[in-house]
């Protein structure tokens, strides 16, 4: 558990005063009454890419509730996830650390240990009643993210076919939990929606041309149900409310449909909307790079909790208040998808530039050839050999170069690889990634986790390719 000196929560901070230096002045919303400390509501919409929301520029009406919420929230335009995988990314949200620091580097094969300090543990130590409502087995409590939650509810099992929960059922569970709360309890409510993830199964009333959009609209409706209840209970106005995602989804870009194996912006650029108590700075948009690791320090500072934690993120409060600019900062991400090291990738966004590195391959190696060599050398691993043809097919589908450099300002779709055209930039970003790998890191708070055959099959049903440990 967290060890820190307890402090008195305060409801109004300096970040709630003033306005951003790059935005026109606007009236500051009414501050919450000092008699009540803010509740915290964190909503994670699994597999939601930012550009499928109206408030991020999408032309279809997929998100009326979220778009309306944005008028009361601060919107971060360049928010980056730290992994295109559900478990590592949520671990970054809850610990404020990058995957190579917290040590949970893939779905299913790692777990967070008790040595980690999590958002729920910190808030529980400050007197919050903590409840989490989970929609997919990939966040099963066996993987460690239940630390600090008095309630951690979902359809968790190692057997059977029920591997994910529809958004309406998850909302029902959260509302039932709210039924049992006293009005004077300080709440930390975490709601995880899974529906934008495959398989797409939104109710027929959501008539969109693409089933992914229908899923987004379905979750948006359920968030509306949750907000309606918080308002009825007189909790919404005074609460700190966050809407974000763990990662996005490729929908045919680069020849890919999915997310686990690719590091393009379709999988890493996710929404972040943060509503301060009283709706302070509502409608403000911040254009600098932010990261999932920033959420923990931002939430704790906004509550007046003096953290004593090792985090990679920073408090975004000064940027929201206009007291300081975000400044130049890197956004790191990685995917250690499966046991096949040739598939491991890292990326770094710095300013307008983004580098993607298949770092187990040399700059001139081809992924397809490396996988073919791996198959030939794996005669003693039939379970791995059986998966190699599928992996080669995926590699062919988007013909990934082992080093890719993109100018996101002029080429947001990442269609022109400038790795050889911009050698100085490429070398700088490559050196930064190599430095992360070579510099001695703090002791990891993650550990390897051996799955049962049933759990392997369930994660496979969700689209996650898990190669059993040797």
Protein backbone atom coordinates (compact mmCIF):
# COMPACT_ATOMS: atom_id res chain seq x y z
CA UNK A 1 0.00 0.00 0.00
CA UNK A 2 1.00 3.60 -0.37
CA UNK A 3 3.07 5.18 2.35
CA UNK A 4 2.56 8.93 2.52
CA UNK A 5 1.69 11.59 5.05
CA UNK A 6 -2.07 12.11 5.00
CA UNK A 7 -3.09 15.59 3.94
CA UNK A 8 -6.38 17.41 4.00
CA UNK A 9 -8.09 17.44 0.62
CA UNK A 10 -8.99 20.86 -0.69
CA UNK A 11 -11.65 21.39 -3.32
CA UNK A 12 -10.34 24.56 -4.96
CA UNK A 13 -6.75 24.94 -6.16
CA UNK A 14 -4.79 27.48 -8.07
CA UNK A 15 -5.37 25.48 -11.26
CA UNK A 16 -9.02 26.41 -11.09
CA UNK A 17 -8.22 30.13 -11.38
CA UNK A 18 -7.47 32.12 -14.49
CA UNK A 19 -7.32 30.88 -18.07
CA UNK A 20 -4.77 29.56 -20.55
CA UNK A 21 -2.33 32.06 -21.96
CA UNK A 22 -3.15 30.99 -25.52
CA UNK A 23 -6.92 31.18 -25.14
CA UNK A 24 -9.25 34.19 -24.88
CA UNK A 25 -10.38 35.08 -21.38
CA UNK A 26 -13.60 33.45 -20.24
CA UNK A 27 -15.59 33.58 -17.01
CA UNK A 28 -14.39 31.10 -14.41
CA UNK A 29 -17.10 28.64 -13.43
CA UNK A 30 -18.51 28.51 -9.93
CA UNK A 31 -16.13 26.69 -7.59
CA UNK A 32 -17.48 23.69 -5.70
CA UNK A 33 -18.66 24.25 -2.14
CA UNK A 34 -15.84 23.79 0.36
CA UNK A 35 -17.99 21.51 2.48
CA UNK A 36 -17.53 18.67 -0.04
CA UNK A 37 -14.28 17.33 -1.43
CA UNK A 38 -14.50 16.38 -5.10
CA UNK A 39 -15.37 12.87 -6.15
CA UNK A 40 -13.21 11.38 -8.91
CA UNK A 41 -14.81 9.64 -11.89
CA UNK A 42 -12.46 8.02 -14.40
CA UNK A 43 -13.98 6.57 -17.58
CA UNK A 44 -11.85 4.49 -19.93
CA UNK A 45 -13.36 3.61 -23.32
CA UNK A 46 -11.30 0.70 -24.60
CA UNK A 47 -10.05 0.89 -28.21
CA UNK A 48 -11.38 4.43 -28.81
CA UNK A 49 -9.36 6.47 -31.28
CA UNK A 50 -9.65 10.21 -30.85
CA UNK A 51 -10.66 11.04 -34.41
CA UNK A 52 -13.93 9.08 -34.12
CA UNK A 53 -15.41 11.70 -31.76
CA UNK A 54 -17.17 14.82 -32.98
CA UNK A 55 -15.21 17.05 -30.62
CA UNK A 56 -12.00 15.78 -32.27
CA UNK A 57 -13.32 16.60 -35.73
CA UNK A 58 -15.34 13.56 -36.79
CA UNK A 59 -18.25 14.45 -39.06
CA UNK A 60 -20.67 11.76 -37.91
CA UNK A 61 -22.80 12.07 -34.79
CA UNK A 62 -21.18 9.26 -32.81
CA UNK A 63 -20.65 11.12 -29.53
CA UNK A 64 -23.27 13.74 -28.56
CA UNK A 65 -22.81 13.12 -24.82
CA UNK A 66 -19.02 13.36 -24.94
CA UNK A 67 -19.17 16.37 -27.26
CA UNK A 68 -21.45 18.14 -24.79
CA UNK A 69 -19.22 17.14 -21.89
CA UNK A 70 -16.29 18.78 -23.70
CA UNK A 71 -17.92 22.18 -23.21
CA UNK A 72 -17.34 21.75 -19.48
CA UNK A 73 -13.96 20.03 -19.76
CA UNK A 74 -10.40 20.72 -20.84
CA UNK A 75 -9.62 18.82 -24.06
CA UNK A 76 -6.10 17.65 -24.86
CA UNK A 77 -5.59 17.51 -28.60
CA UNK A 78 -2.40 15.41 -28.81
CA UNK A 79 -2.89 12.84 -26.09
CA UNK A 80 -0.76 9.71 -26.53
CA UNK A 81 -1.22 6.22 -25.11
CA UNK A 82 1.86 4.34 -23.93
CA UNK A 83 0.85 1.01 -25.46
CA UNK A 84 -1.66 -0.32 -28.01
CA UNK A 85 -2.44 -3.09 -25.52
CA UNK A 86 -5.14 -2.89 -22.84
CA UNK A 87 -3.35 -4.12 -19.72
CA UNK A 88 -0.03 -2.24 -20.13
CA UNK A 89 -1.83 0.97 -21.07
CA UNK A 90 -4.21 0.88 -18.11
CA UNK A 91 -1.26 0.13 -15.86
CA UNK A 92 0.39 3.33 -17.13
CA UNK A 93 -2.80 5.26 -16.35
CA UNK A 94 -2.97 3.91 -12.81
CA UNK A 95 0.74 4.10 -11.93
CA UNK A 96 1.89 7.15 -13.92
CA UNK A 97 4.77 5.11 -15.31
CA UNK A 98 5.78 3.97 -18.77
CA UNK A 99 5.53 0.23 -19.53
CA UNK A 100 9.31 -0.24 -19.37
CA UNK A 101 9.13 1.23 -15.85
CA UNK A 102 6.05 -0.43 -14.36
CA UNK A 103 6.99 -3.73 -15.98
CA UNK A 104 3.57 -4.85 -17.26
CA UNK A 105 4.53 -5.10 -20.88
CA UNK A 106 1.90 -7.26 -22.54
CA UNK A 107 -1.57 -8.67 -22.02
CA UNK A 108 -1.84 -11.83 -20.01
CA UNK A 109 1.84 -12.66 -19.56
CA UNK A 110 2.59 -9.98 -16.94
CA UNK A 111 0.99 -8.81 -13.70
CA UNK A 112 1.45 -5.73 -11.51
CA UNK A 113 2.92 -6.62 -8.12
CA UNK A 114 2.10 -5.18 -4.71
CA UNK A 115 5.28 -3.09 -4.89
CA UNK A 116 3.49 -0.66 -7.19
CA UNK A 117 1.60 2.39 -5.98
CA UNK A 118 -1.67 2.83 -7.88
CA UNK A 119 -4.19 5.64 -8.17
CA UNK A 120 -6.78 3.60 -6.29
CA UNK A 121 -4.38 2.92 -3.42
CA UNK A 122 -3.48 6.59 -3.08
CA UNK A 123 -7.12 7.70 -3.08
CA UNK A 124 -8.17 4.93 -0.69
CA UNK A 125 -5.47 6.13 1.71
CA UNK A 126 -7.05 9.59 1.52
CA UNK A 127 -10.47 8.32 2.56
CA UNK A 128 -12.08 7.71 -0.82
CA UNK A 129 -14.49 4.83 -1.28
CA UNK A 130 -13.13 3.05 -4.35
CA UNK A 131 -15.11 1.09 -6.95
CA UNK A 132 -14.15 -0.28 -10.38
CA UNK A 133 -16.48 -1.74 -12.99
CA UNK A 134 -14.64 -3.69 -15.65
CA UNK A 135 -15.89 -4.89 -19.03
CA UNK A 136 -13.22 -7.37 -20.16
CA UNK A 137 -11.32 -10.31 -18.77
CA UNK A 138 -8.04 -8.79 -19.98
CA UNK A 139 -8.26 -6.62 -16.80
CA UNK A 140 -8.97 -9.63 -14.59
CA UNK A 141 -7.86 -8.96 -10.99
CA UNK A 142 -5.25 -11.70 -11.32
CA UNK A 143 -3.20 -9.12 -13.28
CA UNK A 144 -2.94 -6.75 -10.31
CA UNK A 145 -4.94 -3.63 -11.25
CA UNK A 146 -7.47 -4.31 -8.49
CA UNK A 147 -4.99 -2.95 -5.92
CA UNK A 148 -6.68 -0.27 -3.83
CA UNK A 149 -10.24 -0.98 -4.99
CA UNK A 150 -12.73 -2.04 -2.33
CA UNK A 151 -15.01 -3.12 -5.20
CA UNK A 152 -13.60 -4.49 -8.45
CA UNK A 153 -16.48 -5.99 -10.42
CA UNK A 154 -16.68 -7.71 -13.78
CA UNK A 155 -17.32 -11.05 -15.45
CA UNK A 156 -14.04 -12.59 -14.37
CA UNK A 157 -13.53 -16.26 -15.05
CA UNK A 158 -10.97 -18.62 -16.47
CA UNK A 159 -13.65 -20.84 -17.94
CA UNK A 160 -16.64 -20.40 -20.23
CA UNK A 161 -17.23 -18.01 -23.10
CA UNK A 162 -18.21 -14.81 -21.25
CA UNK A 163 -15.04 -12.81 -21.84
CA UNK A 164 -16.45 -9.28 -22.11
CA UNK A 165 -19.43 -7.34 -20.79
CA UNK A 166 -21.72 -5.02 -22.82
CA UNK A 167 -21.66 -1.34 -21.90
CA UNK A 168 -25.23 -1.31 -20.55
CA UNK A 169 -24.48 -4.11 -18.09
CA UNK A 170 -21.33 -2.36 -16.88
CA UNK A 171 -23.30 0.86 -16.39
CA UNK A 172 -25.96 -1.04 -14.46
CA UNK A 173 -23.31 -2.34 -12.08
CA UNK A 174 -21.88 1.12 -11.53
CA UNK A 175 -25.33 2.57 -10.87
CA UNK A 176 -26.13 -0.21 -8.39
CA UNK A 177 -22.89 0.60 -6.56
CA UNK A 178 -23.88 4.27 -6.41
CA UNK A 179 -27.19 3.18 -4.84
CA UNK A 180 -25.28 2.00 -1.78
CA UNK A 181 -23.18 5.11 -1.24
CA UNK A 182 -23.84 7.71 1.44
CA UNK A 183 -24.02 11.32 0.34
CA UNK A 184 -21.01 12.22 2.50
CA UNK A 185 -18.72 9.54 1.03
CA UNK A 186 -15.88 10.67 -1.21
CA UNK A 187 -15.91 8.41 -4.24
CA UNK A 188 -13.35 7.19 -6.73
CA UNK A 189 -15.36 5.53 -9.48
CA UNK A 190 -13.56 3.81 -12.37
CA UNK A 191 -15.73 2.61 -15.27
CA UNK A 192 -14.13 0.62 -18.07
CA UNK A 193 -16.16 0.23 -21.27
CA UNK A 194 -15.00 -2.33 -23.83
CA UNK A 195 -17.51 -2.10 -26.68
CA UNK A 196 -15.52 -0.24 -29.34
CA UNK A 197 -13.30 -3.33 -29.24
CA UNK A 198 -14.13 -6.26 -31.50
CA UNK A 199 -16.42 -8.12 -31.73
CA UNK A 200 -18.68 -5.23 -32.73
CA UNK A 201 -22.15 -5.84 -31.30
CA UNK A 202 -23.91 -2.53 -30.69
CA UNK A 203 -27.71 -2.67 -30.42
CA UNK A 204 -29.48 -2.33 -33.80
CA UNK A 205 -30.81 1.13 -32.92
CA UNK A 206 -27.33 2.55 -33.59
CA UNK A 207 -27.44 2.72 -37.38
CA UNK A 208 -23.99 3.70 -38.62
CA UNK A 209 -22.28 2.56 -41.78
CA UNK A 210 -19.31 1.25 -39.84
CA UNK A 211 -19.97 -1.05 -36.86
CA UNK A 212 -17.11 0.60 -34.95
CA UNK A 213 -18.97 3.93 -35.06
CA UNK A 214 -22.09 2.19 -33.76
CA UNK A 215 -20.08 0.88 -30.83
CA UNK A 216 -18.79 4.37 -30.04
CA UNK A 217 -22.34 5.74 -30.09
CA UNK A 218 -23.52 2.93 -27.83
CA UNK A 219 -20.88 3.68 -25.21
CA UNK A 220 -21.60 7.41 -25.52
CA UNK A 221 -25.23 6.69 -24.63
CA UNK A 222 -24.18 4.69 -21.58
CA UNK A 223 -21.92 7.49 -20.37
CA UNK A 224 -24.99 9.70 -20.60
CA UNK A 225 -26.83 7.32 -18.26
CA UNK A 226 -23.95 7.50 -15.78
CA UNK A 227 -23.76 11.29 -15.93
CA UNK A 228 -27.52 11.60 -15.46
CA UNK A 229 -27.27 9.58 -12.27
CA UNK A 230 -24.32 11.59 -10.93
CA UNK A 231 -26.27 14.79 -11.54
CA UNK A 232 -29.35 13.37 -9.81
CA UNK A 233 -27.20 12.51 -6.80
CA UNK A 234 -25.74 16.04 -6.81
CA UNK A 235 -22.27 14.64 -7.39
CA UNK A 236 -21.49 15.67 -10.95
CA UNK A 237 -20.85 19.41 -10.62
CA UNK A 238 -18.33 19.04 -7.81
CA UNK A 239 -16.56 16.03 -9.31
CA UNK A 240 -13.31 15.69 -11.20
CA UNK A 241 -14.36 13.67 -14.26
CA UNK A 242 -12.00 12.15 -16.84
CA UNK A 243 -12.82 10.49 -20.17
CA UNK A 244 -9.96 8.76 -21.96
CA UNK A 245 -8.97 5.53 -23.71
CA UNK A 246 -6.23 2.95 -23.38
CA UNK A 247 -5.51 2.79 -27.13
CA UNK A 248 -7.18 3.23 -30.50
CA UNK A 249 -7.89 0.97 -33.47
CA UNK A 250 -6.68 0.72 -37.05
CA UNK A 251 -9.68 0.52 -39.37
CA UNK A 252 -7.95 -0.41 -42.61
CA UNK A 253 -5.18 2.19 -42.52
CA UNK A 254 -1.79 0.70 -43.48
CA UNK A 255 -3.67 -2.43 -44.47
CA UNK A 256 -4.46 -3.24 -40.83
CA UNK A 257 -7.64 -3.85 -38.89
CA UNK A 258 -6.73 -4.05 -35.22
CA UNK A 259 -4.28 -2.54 -32.77
CA UNK A 260 -1.99 -4.98 -30.98
CA UNK A 261 0.73 -5.10 -33.62
CA UNK A 262 0.88 -1.52 -34.91
CA UNK A 263 2.16 1.77 -33.50
CA UNK A 264 0.55 4.25 -35.87
CA UNK A 265 -1.47 7.19 -34.59
CA UNK A 266 -4.74 5.33 -35.19
CA UNK A 267 -3.75 3.13 -32.22
CA UNK A 268 -1.86 5.64 -30.05
CA UNK A 269 -3.70 8.97 -30.43
CA UNK A 270 -6.55 8.74 -27.94
CA UNK A 271 -8.93 11.26 -26.38
CA UNK A 272 -8.41 12.96 -23.05
CA UNK A 273 -11.09 15.23 -21.62
CA UNK A 274 -10.73 16.36 -18.02
CA UNK A 275 -13.53 18.19 -16.26
CA UNK A 276 -12.38 20.11 -13.20
CA UNK A 277 -14.75 20.63 -10.27
CA UNK A 278 -17.30 23.27 -11.12
CA UNK A 279 -16.45 22.99 -14.83
CA UNK A 280 -13.52 25.39 -14.52
CA UNK A 281 -11.83 26.21 -17.85
CA UNK A 282 -14.59 24.36 -19.70
CA UNK A 283 -14.04 24.38 -23.46
CA UNK A 284 -10.29 24.99 -23.25
CA UNK A 285 -8.23 23.01 -25.79
CA UNK A 286 -4.53 22.31 -25.17
CA UNK A 287 -2.44 21.42 -28.20
CA UNK A 288 0.80 20.18 -26.63
CA UNK A 289 1.74 16.52 -26.26
CA UNK A 290 0.27 14.77 -23.23
CA UNK A 291 0.50 11.15 -22.13
CA UNK A 292 -1.47 8.57 -20.21
CA UNK A 293 1.19 8.73 -17.51
CA UNK A 294 0.21 12.35 -16.82
CA UNK A 295 -3.19 11.40 -15.42
CA UNK A 296 -2.08 10.18 -12.00
CA UNK A 297 -0.03 13.27 -11.02
CA UNK A 298 -2.67 15.59 -12.51
CA UNK A 299 -5.54 14.05 -10.55
CA UNK A 300 -3.60 13.93 -7.28
CA UNK A 301 -2.43 17.54 -7.56
CA UNK A 302 -5.94 18.71 -8.46
CA UNK A 303 -7.18 17.10 -5.24
CA UNK A 304 -4.41 18.61 -3.15
CA UNK A 305 -2.80 15.24 -2.45
CA UNK A 306 0.95 15.59 -2.05
CA UNK A 307 2.30 12.51 -3.74
CA UNK A 308 5.55 10.78 -2.88
CA UNK A 309 5.53 8.54 -5.92
CA UNK A 310 7.96 7.78 -8.72
CA UNK A 311 6.11 8.70 -11.91
CA UNK A 312 7.06 9.43 -15.52
CA UNK A 313 4.09 11.76 -16.04
CA UNK A 314 3.70 15.40 -15.05
CA UNK A 315 0.91 17.47 -13.53
CA UNK A 316 -1.09 19.16 -16.29
CA UNK A 317 -2.64 21.65 -13.87
CA UNK A 318 -0.26 24.55 -14.70
CA UNK A 319 -1.05 24.15 -18.40
CA UNK A 320 -4.78 24.21 -17.69
CA UNK A 321 -4.49 27.34 -15.59
CA UNK A 322 -2.13 29.13 -17.99
CA UNK A 323 0.61 29.26 -15.35
CA UNK A 324 3.05 27.32 -17.53
CA UNK A 325 3.26 25.84 -21.01
CA UNK A 326 3.65 22.10 -21.47
CA UNK A 327 7.02 22.54 -23.12
CA UNK A 328 8.93 20.05 -25.24
CA UNK A 329 8.30 16.51 -24.06
CA UNK A 330 8.57 13.02 -25.46
CA UNK A 331 5.77 10.48 -25.63
CA UNK A 332 7.09 6.92 -25.43
CA UNK A 333 5.10 3.83 -26.39
CA UNK A 334 5.83 0.16 -26.91
CA UNK A 335 4.24 -3.13 -27.82
CA UNK A 336 5.78 -6.41 -26.74
CA UNK A 337 3.02 -8.34 -28.41
CA UNK A 338 3.56 -12.12 -27.96
CA UNK A 339 6.80 -13.94 -27.29
CA UNK A 340 8.07 -13.30 -30.82
CA UNK A 341 10.82 -10.73 -30.29
CA UNK A 342 10.91 -9.76 -33.97
CA UNK A 343 7.46 -8.22 -33.44
CA UNK A 344 8.48 -5.98 -30.54
CA UNK A 345 8.25 -2.27 -31.31
CA UNK A 346 8.82 1.06 -29.65
CA UNK A 347 7.86 4.55 -30.73
CA UNK A 348 8.74 8.07 -29.69
CA UNK A 349 6.85 11.27 -30.48
CA UNK A 350 8.83 14.49 -30.08
CA UNK A 351 7.25 17.67 -31.34
CA UNK A 352 6.16 17.10 -34.94
CA UNK A 353 8.28 13.97 -35.36
CA UNK A 354 7.52 10.33 -34.66
CA UNK A 355 9.88 7.37 -34.85
CA UNK A 356 8.70 3.75 -34.93
CA UNK A 357 11.40 1.14 -34.35
CA UNK A 358 11.14 -2.64 -34.66
CA UNK A 359 14.12 -2.64 -32.35
CA UNK A 360 14.99 -6.36 -32.51
CA UNK A 361 15.62 -5.94 -36.25
CA UNK A 362 18.44 -4.08 -37.95
CA UNK A 363 17.51 -1.09 -40.14
CA UNK A 364 17.88 -3.19 -43.31
CA UNK A 365 16.14 -6.33 -42.07
CA UNK A 366 12.64 -7.20 -43.21
CA UNK A 367 10.06 -8.41 -40.73
CA UNK A 368 8.69 -11.07 -43.06
CA UNK A 369 12.15 -12.60 -43.54
CA UNK A 370 12.85 -12.51 -39.81
CA UNK A 371 9.62 -14.38 -39.11
CA UNK A 372 10.42 -16.99 -41.74
CA UNK A 373 13.81 -17.53 -40.11
CA UNK A 374 12.15 -17.80 -36.72
CA UNK A 375 9.78 -20.48 -38.01
CA UNK A 376 12.67 -22.48 -39.45
CA UNK A 377 14.54 -22.30 -36.14
CA UNK A 378 11.58 -23.29 -33.96
CA UNK A 379 11.18 -26.97 -34.70
CA UNK A 380 11.10 -27.65 -30.94
CA UNK A 381 8.20 -25.23 -30.44
CA UNK A 382 5.20 -26.49 -32.44
CA UNK A 383 2.85 -24.02 -30.73
CA UNK A 384 4.99 -21.15 -32.07
CA UNK A 385 5.43 -22.67 -35.53
CA UNK A 386 1.65 -22.91 -35.83
CA UNK A 387 1.36 -19.14 -35.41
CA UNK A 388 4.17 -18.07 -37.74
CA UNK A 389 2.06 -18.20 -40.97
CA UNK A 390 -0.52 -15.83 -39.46
CA UNK A 391 2.21 -13.45 -38.33
CA UNK A 392 3.84 -13.48 -41.78
CA UNK A 393 0.46 -12.72 -43.34
CA UNK A 394 0.07 -9.73 -41.03
CA UNK A 395 3.59 -8.52 -41.84
CA UNK A 396 2.84 -8.69 -45.57
CA UNK A 397 -0.40 -6.78 -45.12
CA UNK A 398 1.36 -3.56 -44.25
CA UNK A 399 4.97 -4.23 -45.28
CA UNK A 400 6.43 -2.50 -42.25
CA UNK A 401 9.94 -1.09 -42.51
CA UNK A 402 11.93 -1.76 -39.32
CA UNK A 403 12.57 1.98 -38.93
CA UNK A 404 9.91 4.57 -39.75
CA UNK A 405 10.05 8.34 -39.27
CA UNK A 406 7.03 10.56 -39.85
CA UNK A 407 6.36 14.29 -39.78
CA UNK A 408 2.98 14.32 -38.04
CA UNK A 409 2.41 18.01 -38.81
CA UNK A 410 2.50 17.56 -42.60
CA UNK A 411 1.66 13.86 -42.74
CA UNK A 412 -0.78 12.96 -39.94
CA UNK A 413 -1.72 9.74 -41.74
CA UNK A 414 1.91 8.51 -41.55
CA UNK A 415 2.14 7.68 -45.25
CA UNK A 416 5.64 9.01 -46.06
CA UNK A 417 8.53 7.32 -44.27
CA UNK A 418 11.26 9.99 -43.91
CA UNK A 419 13.79 7.84 -42.06
CA UNK A 420 16.42 8.09 -44.82
CA UNK A 421 15.45 11.65 -45.82
CA UNK A 422 15.88 13.12 -42.32
CA UNK A 423 18.95 11.31 -40.93
CA UNK A 424 19.68 13.85 -38.19
CA UNK A 425 16.17 13.72 -36.74
CA UNK A 426 16.08 9.94 -37.11
CA UNK A 427 19.42 9.57 -35.31
CA UNK A 428 18.31 11.81 -32.43
CA UNK A 429 15.11 9.87 -31.82
CA UNK A 430 16.86 6.53 -32.30
CA UNK A 431 19.45 7.55 -29.71
CA UNK A 432 16.69 8.49 -27.28
CA UNK A 433 15.11 5.04 -27.65
CA UNK A 434 18.47 3.28 -27.30
CA UNK A 435 19.15 5.36 -24.21
CA UNK A 436 15.91 4.19 -22.62
CA UNK A 437 16.91 0.59 -23.21
CA UNK A 438 20.52 0.85 -22.06
CA UNK A 439 20.25 3.09 -19.01
CA UNK A 440 19.74 1.20 -15.76
CA UNK A 441 16.09 1.38 -14.77
CA UNK A 442 14.43 1.23 -11.39
CA UNK A 443 13.27 -2.15 -10.13
CA UNK A 444 10.21 -3.23 -12.06
CA UNK A 445 6.85 -3.48 -10.33
CA UNK A 446 5.67 -6.07 -12.86
CA UNK A 447 6.37 -9.76 -13.06
CA UNK A 448 5.83 -12.56 -15.54
CA UNK A 449 2.53 -14.37 -15.19
CA UNK A 450 1.76 -17.89 -16.40
CA UNK A 451 -1.73 -18.29 -17.82
CA UNK A 452 -4.00 -21.28 -17.74
CA UNK A 453 -5.03 -22.77 -21.07
CA UNK A 454 -8.57 -21.45 -20.49
CA UNK A 455 -7.35 -17.87 -20.06
CA UNK A 456 -5.15 -18.16 -23.15
CA UNK A 457 -8.21 -19.22 -25.14
CA UNK A 458 -10.30 -16.37 -23.71
CA UNK A 459 -7.71 -13.72 -24.52
CA UNK A 460 -7.41 -15.25 -27.96
CA UNK A 461 -11.17 -14.86 -28.39
CA UNK A 462 -10.72 -11.12 -27.71
CA UNK A 463 -8.18 -10.89 -30.51
CA UNK A 464 -5.00 -11.09 -28.42
CA UNK A 465 -2.41 -13.52 -29.73
CA UNK A 466 -0.72 -15.11 -26.73
CA UNK A 467 2.13 -17.50 -27.38
CA UNK A 468 2.60 -19.79 -24.36
CA UNK A 469 5.82 -19.49 -22.42
CA UNK A 470 8.45 -21.99 -23.37
